[in-house]
N, C-alpha and C. Protein backbone atom coordinates (compact mmCIF):
# COMPACT_ATOMS: atom_id res chain seq x y z
N MET A 1 121.53 103.00 118.40
CA MET A 1 119.73 102.94 117.82
C MET A 1 120.07 104.29 117.28
N LYS A 2 119.30 104.20 115.86
CA LYS A 2 118.97 105.25 115.20
C LYS A 2 117.77 105.93 115.61
N LYS A 3 117.73 107.21 116.04
CA LYS A 3 116.66 107.95 116.33
C LYS A 3 115.21 107.88 115.45
N VAL A 4 114.15 107.74 115.28
CA VAL A 4 113.07 107.50 115.06
C VAL A 4 112.66 108.90 115.02
N THR A 5 112.01 109.51 113.48
CA THR A 5 111.56 110.69 113.70
C THR A 5 110.27 110.63 113.09
N GLY A 6 109.46 111.91 113.01
CA GLY A 6 108.03 112.15 112.30
C GLY A 6 107.09 111.83 113.42
N PHE A 7 107.29 111.37 114.59
CA PHE A 7 106.13 111.09 115.61
C PHE A 7 106.50 111.93 116.86
N LYS A 8 104.82 112.45 117.31
CA LYS A 8 104.85 113.32 118.22
C LYS A 8 105.05 112.35 119.58
N THR A 9 105.70 112.95 120.45
CA THR A 9 106.08 112.17 121.85
C THR A 9 104.52 112.25 122.33
N LEU A 10 104.18 111.22 123.07
CA LEU A 10 102.81 110.77 123.76
C LEU A 10 103.10 111.82 125.23
N ASN A 11 101.95 112.39 125.38
CA ASN A 11 101.79 113.34 126.73
C ASN A 11 101.44 112.05 127.85
N ALA A 12 101.52 112.32 128.76
CA ALA A 12 101.12 111.61 130.11
C ALA A 12 99.82 111.14 130.09
N THR A 13 98.89 111.90 129.92
CA THR A 13 97.46 111.44 129.68
C THR A 13 97.29 110.42 128.78
N ALA A 14 97.78 110.44 127.28
CA ALA A 14 98.16 109.16 126.49
C ALA A 14 98.69 108.31 126.78
N LYS A 15 99.63 108.42 127.71
CA LYS A 15 99.99 107.03 127.93
C LYS A 15 99.22 106.26 129.19
N LYS A 16 98.70 107.07 129.86
CA LYS A 16 97.66 106.59 130.58
C LYS A 16 96.69 105.63 130.14
N ARG A 17 96.11 106.38 128.96
CA ARG A 17 94.76 105.84 128.03
C ARG A 17 95.35 104.34 127.65
N LEU A 18 96.39 104.84 127.11
CA LEU A 18 97.24 103.37 125.96
C LEU A 18 97.57 102.24 127.26
N GLU A 19 98.13 102.49 128.36
CA GLU A 19 98.42 101.43 129.33
C GLU A 19 96.83 100.74 129.88
N ALA A 20 95.88 101.41 130.07
CA ALA A 20 94.72 101.19 130.68
C ALA A 20 94.15 100.13 129.65
N LEU A 21 94.20 100.84 128.18
CA LEU A 21 93.35 100.01 126.79
C LEU A 21 94.13 98.70 127.03
N SER A 22 95.59 98.59 127.02
CA SER A 22 96.21 97.37 126.69
C SER A 22 96.16 96.37 128.02
N LYS A 23 95.54 96.63 129.22
CA LYS A 23 95.29 95.56 130.20
C LYS A 23 93.98 95.21 129.85
N MET A 24 92.89 95.73 129.12
CA MET A 24 91.72 95.32 128.86
C MET A 24 91.57 94.03 127.77
N SER A 25 90.63 93.10 128.51
CA SER A 25 90.42 92.15 127.52
C SER A 25 89.94 92.69 126.13
N ASP A 26 89.52 91.63 125.10
CA ASP A 26 88.67 92.25 123.79
C ASP A 26 87.40 92.28 124.19
N SER A 27 87.08 91.60 125.13
CA SER A 27 85.62 91.77 125.38
C SER A 27 85.31 92.95 126.21
N GLU A 28 85.96 93.73 126.83
CA GLU A 28 86.02 95.04 127.70
C GLU A 28 85.67 95.77 126.96
N ILE A 29 86.19 95.91 125.61
CA ILE A 29 86.46 97.33 124.80
C ILE A 29 85.06 97.26 124.04
N ASP A 30 84.47 98.49 124.10
CA ASP A 30 83.01 98.74 123.56
C ASP A 30 83.34 99.24 122.30
N THR A 31 83.15 98.41 120.89
CA THR A 31 83.33 98.70 119.53
C THR A 31 82.36 98.84 119.11
N SER A 32 80.80 99.47 119.78
CA SER A 32 79.34 99.33 119.01
C SER A 32 79.48 100.71 118.25
N GLU A 33 80.49 101.64 118.30
CA GLU A 33 80.23 102.70 117.36
C GLU A 33 81.02 102.36 115.82
N ILE A 34 81.63 101.22 116.03
CA ILE A 34 82.23 100.62 114.70
C ILE A 34 81.47 99.69 113.92
N ASN A 35 81.03 100.16 112.66
CA ASN A 35 80.48 99.38 111.92
C ASN A 35 80.90 98.24 111.34
N GLU A 36 80.47 97.25 111.16
CA GLU A 36 80.89 95.70 110.72
C GLU A 36 81.02 95.99 108.96
N TRP A 37 82.26 95.62 108.53
CA TRP A 37 82.69 95.56 107.41
C TRP A 37 81.80 94.66 106.33
N THR A 38 81.20 95.22 105.41
CA THR A 38 80.51 94.43 104.39
C THR A 38 81.46 94.21 103.31
N LYS A 39 80.77 92.93 102.32
CA LYS A 39 81.57 92.38 101.51
C LYS A 39 81.78 93.90 100.45
N ALA A 40 80.92 94.58 100.24
CA ALA A 40 81.25 95.99 99.21
C ALA A 40 82.41 96.45 99.55
N ASP A 41 82.47 96.70 101.30
CA ASP A 41 83.43 97.60 101.89
C ASP A 41 85.16 96.94 101.68
N PHE A 42 84.99 95.46 101.79
CA PHE A 42 86.15 95.05 101.24
C PHE A 42 86.77 94.80 100.22
N ALA A 43 85.62 95.29 99.07
CA ALA A 43 85.86 95.11 97.82
C ALA A 43 86.80 96.47 97.38
N GLN A 44 86.14 97.49 98.32
CA GLN A 44 86.84 99.08 97.87
C GLN A 44 87.51 99.23 98.94
N ALA A 45 88.31 98.23 99.61
CA ALA A 45 89.60 98.62 100.32
C ALA A 45 90.56 98.40 99.46
N ILE A 46 91.77 99.41 99.88
CA ILE A 46 92.99 99.41 99.33
C ILE A 46 93.97 98.90 100.20
N PRO A 47 94.48 97.81 99.62
CA PRO A 47 95.57 96.98 100.15
C PRO A 47 96.59 97.77 100.93
N PHE A 48 97.12 97.32 101.94
CA PHE A 48 97.97 98.54 102.96
C PHE A 48 99.36 98.70 101.99
N TYR A 49 99.77 97.53 101.26
CA TYR A 49 100.88 97.76 100.61
C TYR A 49 100.93 98.53 99.64
N ASN A 50 100.15 99.05 99.29
CA ASN A 50 99.50 100.02 98.08
C ASN A 50 99.79 101.61 98.91
N LEU A 51 99.62 101.76 99.85
CA LEU A 51 99.61 103.02 100.72
C LEU A 51 100.92 103.41 101.53
N TYR A 52 102.05 102.09 101.87
CA TYR A 52 103.11 101.87 102.48
C TYR A 52 104.11 102.59 101.57
N LYS A 53 104.60 103.64 102.14
CA LYS A 53 105.70 104.28 101.40
C LYS A 53 107.44 104.47 102.36
N PRO A 54 107.99 103.52 102.12
CA PRO A 54 109.23 103.22 102.77
C PRO A 54 110.18 104.59 103.12
N ARG A 55 110.53 105.10 104.10
CA ARG A 55 111.56 106.02 104.55
C ARG A 55 112.61 105.64 103.81
N LYS A 56 113.01 106.81 102.87
CA LYS A 56 114.05 106.92 102.14
C LYS A 56 115.15 107.30 103.12
N GLU A 57 116.47 106.79 102.65
CA GLU A 57 117.62 107.19 103.26
C GLU A 57 118.89 107.32 101.95
N GLN A 58 119.72 108.34 102.46
CA GLN A 58 120.58 108.79 101.37
C GLN A 58 122.02 107.97 101.64
N ILE A 59 122.36 107.28 101.32
CA ILE A 59 123.56 106.52 101.10
C ILE A 59 124.67 107.13 100.35
N THR A 60 126.12 106.50 100.21
CA THR A 60 126.63 106.53 99.30
C THR A 60 127.15 104.89 99.14
N ALA A 61 127.26 104.49 97.89
CA ALA A 61 127.68 103.04 97.35
C ALA A 61 128.47 103.10 96.35
N ARG A 62 129.36 102.27 96.40
CA ARG A 62 129.98 101.77 95.19
C ARG A 62 129.41 100.72 94.19
N ILE A 63 129.30 101.03 93.03
CA ILE A 63 128.88 100.02 92.25
C ILE A 63 130.02 100.33 90.88
N ASP A 64 129.66 99.15 90.21
CA ASP A 64 130.87 99.23 88.89
C ASP A 64 130.44 100.19 88.18
N ALA A 65 131.13 100.83 87.15
CA ALA A 65 130.98 101.80 86.43
C ALA A 65 130.06 101.47 85.26
N ASP A 66 129.92 100.08 84.78
CA ASP A 66 129.33 99.55 83.60
C ASP A 66 128.01 99.51 84.06
N VAL A 67 127.66 99.11 85.43
CA VAL A 67 126.41 98.96 85.68
C VAL A 67 125.85 100.58 85.92
N LEU A 68 126.30 101.32 86.42
CA LEU A 68 125.78 102.77 86.68
C LEU A 68 125.60 103.07 85.34
N ALA A 69 126.41 103.17 84.34
CA ALA A 69 126.07 103.36 83.06
C ALA A 69 124.65 102.91 82.30
N TRP A 70 124.79 101.76 82.77
CA TRP A 70 123.53 101.04 82.21
C TRP A 70 122.26 101.42 82.85
N LEU A 71 122.47 102.15 84.05
CA LEU A 71 120.90 102.59 84.99
C LEU A 71 120.99 103.86 84.58
N LYS A 72 121.80 104.55 83.95
CA LYS A 72 121.61 105.97 83.39
C LYS A 72 121.11 106.08 82.00
N SER A 73 121.57 105.04 81.48
CA SER A 73 120.98 104.71 80.05
C SER A 73 119.75 104.94 80.16
N PHE A 74 118.86 104.61 80.89
CA PHE A 74 117.40 104.73 81.11
C PHE A 74 116.86 106.13 80.94
N GLY A 75 117.95 107.22 81.69
CA GLY A 75 117.39 108.44 81.72
C GLY A 75 117.23 108.66 83.04
N LYS A 76 116.50 109.79 83.70
CA LYS A 76 116.30 110.59 84.41
C LYS A 76 115.33 109.66 85.61
N GLY A 77 115.81 109.45 86.83
CA GLY A 77 114.90 108.21 87.49
C GLY A 77 115.58 107.11 87.78
N TYR A 78 117.04 107.11 87.26
CA TYR A 78 117.84 105.80 87.44
C TYR A 78 117.98 105.50 88.91
N GLN A 79 118.04 106.49 89.97
CA GLN A 79 118.30 105.73 91.39
C GLN A 79 116.93 105.17 91.74
N THR A 80 115.62 105.66 91.34
CA THR A 80 114.28 104.84 91.73
C THR A 80 114.58 103.77 90.82
N LEU A 81 115.10 103.43 89.51
CA LEU A 81 115.36 102.11 89.16
C LEU A 81 115.95 101.55 89.65
N MET A 82 117.10 101.97 90.13
CA MET A 82 117.80 100.76 91.24
C MET A 82 117.26 100.52 92.42
N ASN A 83 116.49 101.20 92.99
CA ASN A 83 115.85 101.14 93.97
C ASN A 83 114.81 100.08 93.63
N ASP A 84 114.38 99.89 92.72
CA ASP A 84 113.09 99.07 92.43
C ASP A 84 113.60 97.70 92.17
N LEU A 85 114.57 97.82 91.38
CA LEU A 85 115.43 96.60 91.30
C LEU A 85 115.83 95.88 92.56
N LEU A 86 116.40 96.57 93.36
CA LEU A 86 116.73 96.07 94.44
C LEU A 86 115.57 95.43 95.23
N ARG A 87 114.25 96.04 95.52
CA ARG A 87 113.32 95.92 96.02
C ARG A 87 112.76 94.77 95.41
N LYS A 88 112.66 94.45 94.02
CA LYS A 88 112.07 93.27 93.52
C LYS A 88 113.06 92.38 93.88
N GLU A 89 114.38 92.12 94.17
CA GLU A 89 115.50 91.17 94.58
C GLU A 89 115.15 90.98 95.96
N MET A 90 114.75 91.79 96.86
CA MET A 90 114.80 91.63 98.08
C MET A 90 113.35 90.41 98.63
N MET A 91 112.40 90.83 97.45
CA MET A 91 110.66 90.34 97.82
C MET A 91 110.92 88.96 97.15
N GLU A 92 112.07 88.98 96.25
CA GLU A 92 111.83 87.39 95.67
C GLU A 92 112.96 86.50 96.74
N SER A 93 113.90 87.01 97.46
CA SER A 93 114.58 86.46 98.35
C SER A 93 113.68 86.18 99.67
N HIS A 94 112.83 86.91 100.02
CA HIS A 94 111.80 86.33 100.80
C HIS A 94 110.90 85.48 101.08
N LYS A 95 110.33 85.14 99.55
CA LYS A 95 109.74 83.81 99.22
C LYS A 95 110.54 82.44 99.36
N LYS A 96 112.01 82.73 99.40
CA LYS A 96 112.95 81.57 99.64
C LYS A 96 113.20 81.54 100.89
N PRO A 97 112.68 80.49 101.49
CA PRO A 97 113.26 80.22 103.07
C PRO A 97 114.72 80.02 103.36
N GLU A 98 115.36 79.34 102.46
CA GLU A 98 116.93 78.92 102.29
C GLU A 98 117.79 80.17 101.50
N SER A 99 117.36 81.15 101.48
CA SER A 99 117.69 82.24 100.61
C SER A 99 118.94 82.80 101.26
N ASN A 100 120.00 82.78 100.40
CA ASN A 100 121.04 83.41 100.87
C ASN A 100 121.61 84.60 99.66
N LEU A 101 122.17 85.81 100.16
CA LEU A 101 122.78 86.45 99.34
C LEU A 101 123.79 85.98 98.81
N LEU A 102 124.04 86.45 97.41
CA LEU A 102 124.88 85.92 96.45
C LEU A 102 126.09 86.92 97.13
N SER A 103 127.32 86.36 96.81
CA SER A 103 128.47 87.24 97.15
C SER A 103 129.59 86.84 96.14
N THR A 104 130.24 87.86 95.52
CA THR A 104 131.28 88.00 94.74
C THR A 104 132.84 87.75 95.19
N LYS A 105 132.48 87.80 97.05
CA LYS A 105 133.64 87.60 97.44
C LYS A 105 134.02 85.92 97.88
N GLY A 106 135.61 85.60 97.48
CA GLY A 106 135.80 84.36 97.48
C GLY A 106 136.07 83.78 98.87
């Protein structure tokens, strides 16, 4: 399993507090300090997917020379373009429950 980075390790006190909180029912948790959201609050809210920035991972991949030339023809940022195109395809495939990845292997 790959090690996850960027998060601080919880100390013993924090672990105990989280464990105690997880054992409480919702009705036992005091939320009186939290204001209820109004319609105006929701109207100004930013959807999570606009805040989410996936972690980038450096890879080595083999792609056809003509495909690479086409991507590079768009100028600087061709790797971002490649990622955006792949993400779009990934999101489209999630919409189709029976989706299978296409393969050029026979």
